[in-house]
Amino acid sequence: MTTTNTRSRLLIAGTLSLANLALVGSLALAGFASPAQAQGQNREAIVKTSKAAPCPSGWRTPDGDTSRCEPMGTIAPKVYAKKEKETCADGYYEVYRVWCSTRKP
């Protein structure tokens, strides 16, 4: 092979390597920039999406306020409210069609 031919191949290989690194880096950064899936919590009261739905297991209605649910201590499962047609995030179970909970119903 000639020196020019070898130089061209090395230049092409280097360019492809840099392009590959840029692609991998952008995919890694996209993971950080994407919106987080819904995360449940068990520290504060949550507003119900439906007043008719009961609070999930480990949660209660505070002082007769039927529009909210509050955790019953620190062992309450993590919960978040969802719309009826949405699905729960991984690791969460659907409860009463309006809650997603880390505890199976």
Protein backbone atom coordinates (compact mmCIF):
# COMPACT_ATOMS: atom_id res chain seq x y z
CA MET A 1 0.00 0.00 0.00
CA THR A 2 1.03 3.50 -0.59
CA THR A 3 1.45 6.07 2.12
CA THR A 4 -1.44 8.12 0.71
CA ASN A 5 -3.77 5.13 0.73
CA THR A 6 -2.84 4.26 4.34
CA ARG A 7 -3.27 7.87 5.41
CA SER A 8 -6.76 7.99 3.83
CA ARG A 9 -7.83 4.80 5.59
CA LEU A 10 -6.58 6.06 8.94
CA LEU A 11 -8.38 9.36 8.42
CA ILE A 12 -11.65 7.58 7.60
CA ALA A 13 -11.29 5.22 10.57
CA GLY A 14 -10.59 8.14 12.91
CA THR A 15 -13.59 10.07 11.61
CA LEU A 16 -15.88 7.07 12.06
CA SER A 17 -14.55 6.51 15.59
CA LEU A 18 -15.26 10.13 16.53
CA ALA A 19 -18.74 9.91 15.03
CA ASN A 20 -19.40 6.73 17.02
CA LEU A 21 -18.21 8.37 20.25
CA ALA A 22 -20.42 11.39 19.58
CA LEU A 23 -23.44 9.14 19.02
CA VAL A 24 -22.85 7.14 22.21
CA GLY A 25 -22.32 10.33 24.18
CA SER A 26 -25.50 11.93 22.88
CA LEU A 27 -27.52 8.82 23.75
CA ALA A 28 -26.09 8.85 27.27
CA LEU A 29 -26.96 12.54 27.71
CA ALA A 30 -30.44 12.00 26.31
CA GLY A 31 -31.09 9.58 29.16
CA PHE A 32 -30.34 12.32 31.68
CA ALA A 33 -32.43 14.91 29.87
CA SER A 34 -35.54 12.76 29.39
CA PRO A 35 -38.42 13.39 31.78
CA ALA A 36 -38.51 11.06 34.75
CA GLN A 37 -41.33 8.60 35.02
CA ALA A 38 -43.86 9.23 37.71
CA GLN A 39 -42.39 8.56 41.11
CA GLY A 40 -44.55 7.69 44.04
CA GLN A 41 -44.07 9.14 47.49
CA ASN A 42 -45.17 8.32 51.01
CA ARG A 43 -44.43 11.52 52.92
CA GLU A 44 -47.21 13.98 52.05
CA ALA A 45 -50.94 13.92 51.39
CA ILE A 46 -51.95 13.32 47.77
CA VAL A 47 -54.99 14.83 46.04
CA LYS A 48 -57.35 12.18 44.66
CA THR A 49 -58.23 12.18 40.97
CA SER A 50 -61.65 10.76 41.91
CA LYS A 51 -63.37 11.52 45.22
CA ALA A 52 -65.31 8.26 44.95
CA ALA A 53 -62.15 6.12 44.97
CA PRO A 54 -60.92 4.96 48.38
CA CYS A 55 -57.36 5.57 49.55
CA PRO A 56 -54.92 2.76 48.74
CA SER A 57 -53.76 0.29 51.39
CA GLY A 58 -51.53 1.99 53.98
CA TRP A 59 -53.13 5.39 53.34
CA ARG A 60 -56.13 7.13 54.95
CA THR A 61 -58.44 10.08 54.47
CA PRO A 62 -57.23 12.95 56.71
CA ASP A 63 -59.87 14.41 59.05
CA GLY A 64 -62.81 13.68 56.75
CA ASP A 65 -61.30 15.43 53.71
CA THR A 66 -62.44 13.01 51.01
CA SER A 67 -60.43 14.76 48.31
CA ARG A 68 -57.04 13.69 49.73
CA CYS A 69 -55.18 10.69 51.11
CA GLU A 70 -52.30 10.75 53.58
CA PRO A 71 -49.78 8.03 54.48
CA MET A 72 -50.31 6.02 57.65
CA GLY A 73 -46.76 6.20 59.01
CA THR A 74 -43.38 5.62 57.41
CA ILE A 75 -44.17 2.08 56.23
CA ALA A 76 -46.88 3.23 53.81
CA PRO A 77 -46.20 2.12 50.23
CA LYS A 78 -45.13 4.72 47.69
CA VAL A 79 -48.16 5.90 45.73
CA TYR A 80 -49.05 8.32 42.96
CA ALA A 81 -52.37 9.24 41.35
CA LYS A 82 -52.94 8.34 37.73
CA LYS A 83 -55.54 8.99 35.09
CA GLU A 84 -57.83 6.07 34.33
CA LYS A 85 -56.37 5.27 30.89
CA GLU A 86 -52.71 5.59 31.92
CA THR A 87 -50.58 2.63 32.90
CA CYS A 88 -48.41 2.47 36.01
CA ALA A 89 -44.64 2.81 35.86
CA ASP A 90 -42.43 -0.25 36.26
CA GLY A 91 -42.52 -1.58 39.81
CA TYR A 92 -45.94 -0.06 40.55
CA TYR A 93 -49.30 -1.86 40.66
CA GLU A 94 -52.66 -0.40 39.69
CA VAL A 95 -55.03 0.07 42.65
CA TYR A 96 -58.71 1.05 42.23
CA ARG A 97 -57.93 2.26 38.66
CA VAL A 98 -56.78 5.66 40.04
CA TRP A 99 -53.62 4.83 42.02
CA CYS A 100 -50.24 3.30 41.29
CA SER A 101 -48.68 1.72 44.37
CA THR A 102 -45.56 -0.25 45.24
CA ARG A 103 -47.81 -2.63 47.23
CA LYS A 104 -49.85 -5.24 45.37
CA PRO A 105 -53.61 -4.77 45.83
